[in-house]
Amino acid sequence: MTVIQPDADEVVEPQAVYDWSAQLSRPHELLKVAECGHFFHGKLTDLKDLVLPRLAS
């Protein structure tokens, strides 16, 4: 499982996601996207680069 969290999310508090992720018992990775809001405006290429390799595996 992969959790991708923008660090400037204006809809969901990033720290709430970090705390939730830290409590998960299931193995996962948490990816923090710098200088990015909830809808990944201006960062969709970066998001694609994070997602595509994980979909292939």
PDB file of N, CA and C in Angstrom:
ATOM      1  N   MET A   1       0.845  -1.180   0.000  1.00  0.00           N
ATOM      2  CA  MET A   1       0.000   0.000   0.000  1.00  0.00           C
ATOM      3  C   MET A   1       0.886   1.236   0.000  1.00  0.00           C
ATOM      4  N   THR A   2       0.446   2.224  -0.738  1.00  0.00           N
ATOM      5  CA  THR A   2       1.160   3.495  -0.820  1.00  0.00           C
ATOM      6  C   THR A   2       0.205   4.628  -0.467  1.00  0.00           C
ATOM      7  N   VAL A   3       0.660   5.533   0.372  1.00  0.00           N
ATOM      8  CA  VAL A   3      -0.088   6.730   0.726  1.00  0.00           C
ATOM      9  C   VAL A   3       0.708   7.911   0.179  1.00  0.00           C
ATOM     10  N   ILE A   4       0.057   8.734  -0.629  1.00  0.00           N
ATOM     11  CA  ILE A   4       0.712   9.916  -1.184  1.00  0.00           C
ATOM     12  C   ILE A   4       0.032  11.139  -0.600  1.00  0.00           C
ATOM     13  N   GLN A   5       0.808  11.969   0.087  1.00  0.00           N
ATOM     14  CA  GLN A   5       0.251  13.125   0.786  1.00  0.00           C
ATOM     15  C   GLN A   5       0.973  14.405   0.369  1.00  0.00           C
ATOM     16  N   PRO A   6       0.244  15.364  -0.183  1.00  0.00           N
ATOM     17  CA  PRO A   6       0.833  16.669  -0.461  1.00  0.00           C
ATOM     18  C   PRO A   6       1.126  17.400   0.854  1.00  0.00           C
ATOM     19  N   ASP A   7       2.264  18.065   0.933  1.00  0.00           N
ATOM     20  CA  ASP A   7       2.616  18.711   2.204  1.00  0.00           C
ATOM     21  C   ASP A   7       1.927  20.053   2.417  1.00  0.00           C
ATOM     22  N   ALA A   8       1.283  20.587   1.374  1.00  0.00           N
ATOM     23  CA  ALA A   8       0.544  21.844   1.524  1.00  0.00           C
ATOM     24  C   ALA A   8      -0.936  21.617   1.261  1.00  0.00           C
ATOM     25  N   ASP A   9      -1.429  20.444   1.630  1.00  0.00           N
ATOM     26  CA  ASP A   9      -2.834  20.086   1.398  1.00  0.00           C
ATOM     27  C   ASP A   9      -3.744  21.042   2.161  1.00  0.00           C
ATOM     28  N   GLU A  10      -4.663  21.665   1.434  1.00  0.00           N
ATOM     29  CA  GLU A  10      -5.579  22.612   2.053  1.00  0.00           C
ATOM     30  C   GLU A  10      -6.926  21.983   2.397  1.00  0.00           C
ATOM     31  N   VAL A  11      -7.112  20.710   2.062  1.00  0.00           N
ATOM     32  CA  VAL A  11      -8.369  20.007   2.346  1.00  0.00           C
ATOM     33  C   VAL A  11      -8.205  19.039   3.511  1.00  0.00           C
ATOM     34  N   VAL A  12      -7.134  18.280   3.501  1.00  0.00           N
ATOM     35  CA  VAL A  12      -6.845  17.299   4.559  1.00  0.00           C
ATOM     36  C   VAL A  12      -5.538  17.715   5.236  1.00  0.00           C
ATOM     37  N   GLU A  13      -5.586  17.870   6.536  1.00  0.00           N
ATOM     38  CA  GLU A  13      -4.389  18.274   7.294  1.00  0.00           C
ATOM     39  C   GLU A  13      -3.297  17.224   7.121  1.00  0.00           C
ATOM     40  N   PRO A  14      -2.143  17.593   6.538  1.00  0.00           N
ATOM     41  CA  PRO A  14      -1.088  16.617   6.324  1.00  0.00           C
ATOM     42  C   PRO A  14      -0.670  15.868   7.594  1.00  0.00           C
ATOM     43  N   GLN A  15      -0.590  16.552   8.712  1.00  0.00           N
ATOM     44  CA  GLN A  15      -0.166  15.886   9.946  1.00  0.00           C
ATOM     45  C   GLN A  15      -1.145  14.790  10.351  1.00  0.00           C
ATOM     46  N   ALA A  16      -2.430  14.988  10.069  1.00  0.00           N
ATOM     47  CA  ALA A  16      -3.423  13.950  10.372  1.00  0.00           C
ATOM     48  C   ALA A  16      -3.141  12.695   9.556  1.00  0.00           C
ATOM     49  N   VAL A  17      -2.735  12.872   8.315  1.00  0.00           N
ATOM     50  CA  VAL A  17      -2.393  11.722   7.467  1.00  0.00           C
ATOM     51  C   VAL A  17      -1.105  11.068   7.970  1.00  0.00           C
ATOM     52  N   TYR A  18      -0.120  11.867   8.339  1.00  0.00           N
ATOM     53  CA  TYR A  18       1.135  11.310   8.856  1.00  0.00           C
ATOM     54  C   TYR A  18       0.873  10.503  10.132  1.00  0.00           C
ATOM     55  N   ASP A  19       0.049  11.040  11.010  1.00  0.00           N
ATOM     56  CA  ASP A  19      -0.277  10.329  12.260  1.00  0.00           C
ATOM     57  C   ASP A  19      -1.033   9.034  11.977  1.00  0.00           C
ATOM     58  N   TRP A  20      -2.011   9.102  11.076  1.00  0.00           N
ATOM     59  CA  TRP A  20      -2.779   7.908  10.690  1.00  0.00           C
ATOM     60  C   TRP A  20      -1.847   6.860  10.098  1.00  0.00           C
ATOM     61  N   SER A  21      -0.961   7.291   9.224  1.00  0.00           N
ATOM     62  CA  SER A  21      -0.022   6.376   8.579  1.00  0.00           C
ATOM     63  C   SER A  21       0.890   5.695   9.609  1.00  0.00           C
ATOM     64  N   ALA A  22       1.327   6.450  10.589  1.00  0.00           N
ATOM     65  CA  ALA A  22       2.218   5.896  11.614  1.00  0.00           C
ATOM     66  C   ALA A  22       1.526   4.821  12.447  1.00  0.00           C
ATOM     67  N   GLN A  23       0.201   4.856  12.521  1.00  0.00           N
ATOM     68  CA  GLN A  23      -0.544   3.890  13.320  1.00  0.00           C
ATOM     69  C   GLN A  23      -0.958   2.644  12.549  1.00  0.00           C
ATOM     70  N   LEU A  24      -0.743   2.643  11.248  1.00  0.00           N
ATOM     71  CA  LEU A  24      -1.133   1.484  10.446  1.00  0.00           C
ATOM     72  C   LEU A  24      -0.280   0.272  10.804  1.00  0.00           C
ATOM     73  N   SER A  25      -0.905  -0.853  10.929  1.00  0.00           N
ATOM     74  CA  SER A  25      -0.144  -2.081  11.201  1.00  0.00           C
ATOM     75  C   SER A  25       0.264  -2.755   9.897  1.00  0.00           C
ATOM     76  N   ARG A  26      -0.405  -2.419   8.821  1.00  0.00           N
ATOM     77  CA  ARG A  26      -0.120  -2.988   7.509  1.00  0.00           C
ATOM     78  C   ARG A  26       1.129  -2.323   6.904  1.00  0.00           C
ATOM     79  N   PRO A  27       2.009  -3.097   6.288  1.00  0.00           N
ATOM     80  CA  PRO A  27       3.178  -2.490   5.641  1.00  0.00           C
ATOM     81  C   PRO A  27       2.732  -1.498   4.558  1.00  0.00           C
ATOM     82  N   HIS A  28       3.384  -0.357   4.532  1.00  0.00           N
ATOM     83  CA  HIS A  28       3.035   0.665   3.555  1.00  0.00           C
ATOM     84  C   HIS A  28       4.189   1.639   3.401  1.00  0.00           C
ATOM     85  N   GLU A  29       4.075   2.468   2.384  1.00  0.00           N
ATOM     86  CA  GLU A  29       5.031   3.560   2.244  1.00  0.00           C
ATOM     87  C   GLU A  29       4.247   4.865   2.228  1.00  0.00           C
ATOM     88  N   LEU A  30       4.819   5.876   2.838  1.00  0.00           N
ATOM     89  CA  LEU A  30       4.225   7.202   2.875  1.00  0.00           C
ATOM     90  C   LEU A  30       5.107   8.111   2.042  1.00  0.00           C
ATOM     91  N   LEU A  31       4.534   8.670   0.998  1.00  0.00           N
ATOM     92  CA  LEU A  31       5.259   9.589   0.131  1.00  0.00           C
ATOM     93  C   LEU A  31       4.719  10.994   0.354  1.00  0.00           C
ATOM     94  N   LYS A  32       5.602  11.905   0.719  1.00  0.00           N
ATOM     95  CA  LYS A  32       5.221  13.297   0.939  1.00  0.00           C
ATOM     96  C   LYS A  32       5.639  14.104  -0.287  1.00  0.00           C
ATOM     97  N   VAL A  33       4.694  14.836  -0.862  1.00  0.00           N
ATOM     98  CA  VAL A  33       4.981  15.630  -2.054  1.00  0.00           C
ATOM     99  C   VAL A  33       5.138  17.089  -1.637  1.00  0.00           C
ATOM    100  N   ALA A  34       6.351  17.599  -1.796  1.00  0.00           N
ATOM    101  CA  ALA A  34       6.670  18.961  -1.373  1.00  0.00           C
ATOM    102  C   ALA A  34       6.005  20.003  -2.260  1.00  0.00           C
ATOM    103  N   GLU A  35       5.672  21.134  -1.655  1.00  0.00           N
ATOM    104  CA  GLU A  35       5.127  22.289  -2.364  1.00  0.00           C
ATOM    105  C   GLU A  35       3.937  21.912  -3.245  1.00  0.00           C
ATOM    106  N   CYS A  36       3.011  21.182  -2.658  1.00  0.00           N
ATOM    107  CA  CYS A  36       1.895  20.653  -3.432  1.00  0.00           C
ATOM    108  C   CYS A  36       0.618  20.710  -2.609  1.00  0.00           C
ATOM    109  N   GLY A  37      -0.478  21.120  -3.268  1.00  0.00           N
ATOM    110  CA  GLY A  37      -1.786  21.170  -2.622  1.00  0.00           C
ATOM    111  C   GLY A  37      -2.592  19.911  -2.884  1.00  0.00           C
ATOM    112  N   HIS A  38      -3.798  19.888  -2.370  1.00  0.00           N
ATOM    113  CA  HIS A  38      -4.657  18.712  -2.390  1.00  0.00           C
ATOM    114  C   HIS A  38      -4.902  18.150  -3.789  1.00  0.00           C
ATOM    115  N   PHE A  39      -5.054  19.008  -4.766  1.00  0.00           N
ATOM    116  CA  PHE A  39      -5.378  18.557  -6.116  1.00  0.00           C
ATOM    117  C   PHE A  39      -4.149  18.438  -7.022  1.00  0.00           C
ATOM    118  N   PHE A  40      -2.962  18.563  -6.446  1.00  0.00           N
ATOM    119  CA  PHE A  40      -1.702  18.370  -7.168  1.00  0.00           C
ATOM    120  C   PHE A  40      -1.549  19.318  -8.362  1.00  0.00           C
ATOM    121  N   HIS A  41      -2.136  20.530  -8.266  1.00  0.00           N
ATOM    122  CA  HIS A  41      -1.996  21.514  -9.339  1.00  0.00           C
ATOM    123  C   HIS A  41      -0.516  21.794  -9.594  1.00  0.00           C
ATOM    124  N   GLY A  42      -0.124  21.706 -10.836  1.00  0.00           N
ATOM    125  CA  GLY A  42       1.265  21.944 -11.212  1.00  0.00           C
ATOM    126  C   GLY A  42       2.198  20.802 -10.878  1.00  0.00           C
ATOM    127  N   LYS A  43       1.682  19.731 -10.310  1.00  0.00           N
ATOM    128  CA  LYS A  43       2.513  18.603  -9.891  1.00  0.00           C
ATOM    129  C   LYS A  43       1.992  17.278 -10.446  1.00  0.00           C
ATOM    130  N   LEU A  44       1.112  17.321 -11.437  1.00  0.00           N
ATOM    131  CA  LEU A  44       0.533  16.075 -11.948  1.00  0.00           C
ATOM    132  C   LEU A  44       1.577  15.180 -12.598  1.00  0.00           C
ATOM    133  N   THR A  45       2.568  15.765 -13.232  1.00  0.00           N
ATOM    134  CA  THR A  45       3.653  14.954 -13.805  1.00  0.00           C
ATOM    135  C   THR A  45       4.427  14.262 -12.692  1.00  0.00           C
ATOM    136  N   ASP A  46       4.685  14.974 -11.597  1.00  0.00           N
ATOM    137  CA  ASP A  46       5.369  14.368 -10.449  1.00  0.00           C
ATOM    138  C   ASP A  46       4.526  13.242  -9.858  1.00  0.00           C
ATOM    139  N   LEU A  47       3.222  13.475  -9.763  1.00  0.00           N
ATOM    140  CA  LEU A  47       2.326  12.448  -9.238  1.00  0.00           C
ATOM    141  C   LEU A  47       2.348  11.208 -10.136  1.00  0.00           C
ATOM    142  N   LYS A  48       2.291  11.421 -11.435  1.00  0.00           N
ATOM    143  CA  LYS A  48       2.360  10.302 -12.385  1.00  0.00           C
ATOM    144  C   LYS A  48       3.663   9.526 -12.198  1.00  0.00           C
ATOM    145  N   ASP A  49       4.767  10.236 -12.015  1.00  0.00           N
ATOM    146  CA  ASP A  49       6.062   9.576 -11.822  1.00  0.00           C
ATOM    147  C   ASP A  49       6.110   8.767 -10.530  1.00  0.00           C
ATOM    148  N   LEU A  50       5.333   9.155  -9.535  1.00  0.00           N
ATOM    149  CA  LEU A  50       5.255   8.375  -8.294  1.00  0.00           C
ATOM    150  C   LEU A  50       4.352   7.160  -8.441  1.00  0.00           C
ATOM    151  N   VAL A  51       3.263   7.321  -9.168  1.00  0.00           N
ATOM    152  CA  VAL A  51       2.245   6.270  -9.248  1.00  0.00           C
ATOM    153  C   VAL A  51       2.591   5.173 -10.247  1.00  0.00           C
ATOM    154  N   LEU A  52       3.027   5.540 -11.440  1.00  0.00           N
ATOM    155  CA  LEU A  52       3.245   4.549 -12.496  1.00  0.00           C
ATOM    156  C   LEU A  52       4.147   3.370 -12.100  1.00  0.00           C
ATOM    157  N   PRO A  53       5.306   3.614 -11.500  1.00  0.00           N
ATOM    158  CA  PRO A  53       6.154   2.464 -11.137  1.00  0.00           C
ATOM    159  C   PRO A  53       5.496   1.543 -10.112  1.00  0.00           C
ATOM    160  N   ARG A  54       4.652   2.105  -9.263  1.00  0.00           N
ATOM    161  CA  ARG A  54       3.995   1.292  -8.233  1.00  0.00           C
ATOM    162  C   ARG A  54       2.842   0.466  -8.818  1.00  0.00           C
ATOM    163  N   LEU A  55       2.254   0.948  -9.899  1.00  0.00           N
ATOM    164  CA  LEU A  55       1.206   0.193 -10.567  1.00  0.00           C
ATOM    165  C   LEU A  55       1.790  -0.979 -11.344  1.00  0.00           C
ATOM    166  N   ALA A  56       3.005  -0.834 -11.813  1.00  0.00           N
ATOM    167  CA  ALA A  56       3.651  -1.880 -12.600  1.00  0.00           C
ATOM    168  C   ALA A  56       4.089  -3.058 -11.748  1.00  0.00           C
ATOM    169  N   SER A  57       4.287  -2.834 -10.456  1.00  0.00           N
ATOM    170  CA  SER A  57       4.790  -3.926  -9.601  1.00  0.00           C
ATOM    171  C   SER A  57       3.684  -4.694  -8.923  1.00  0.00           C
TER     172      SER A  57
END
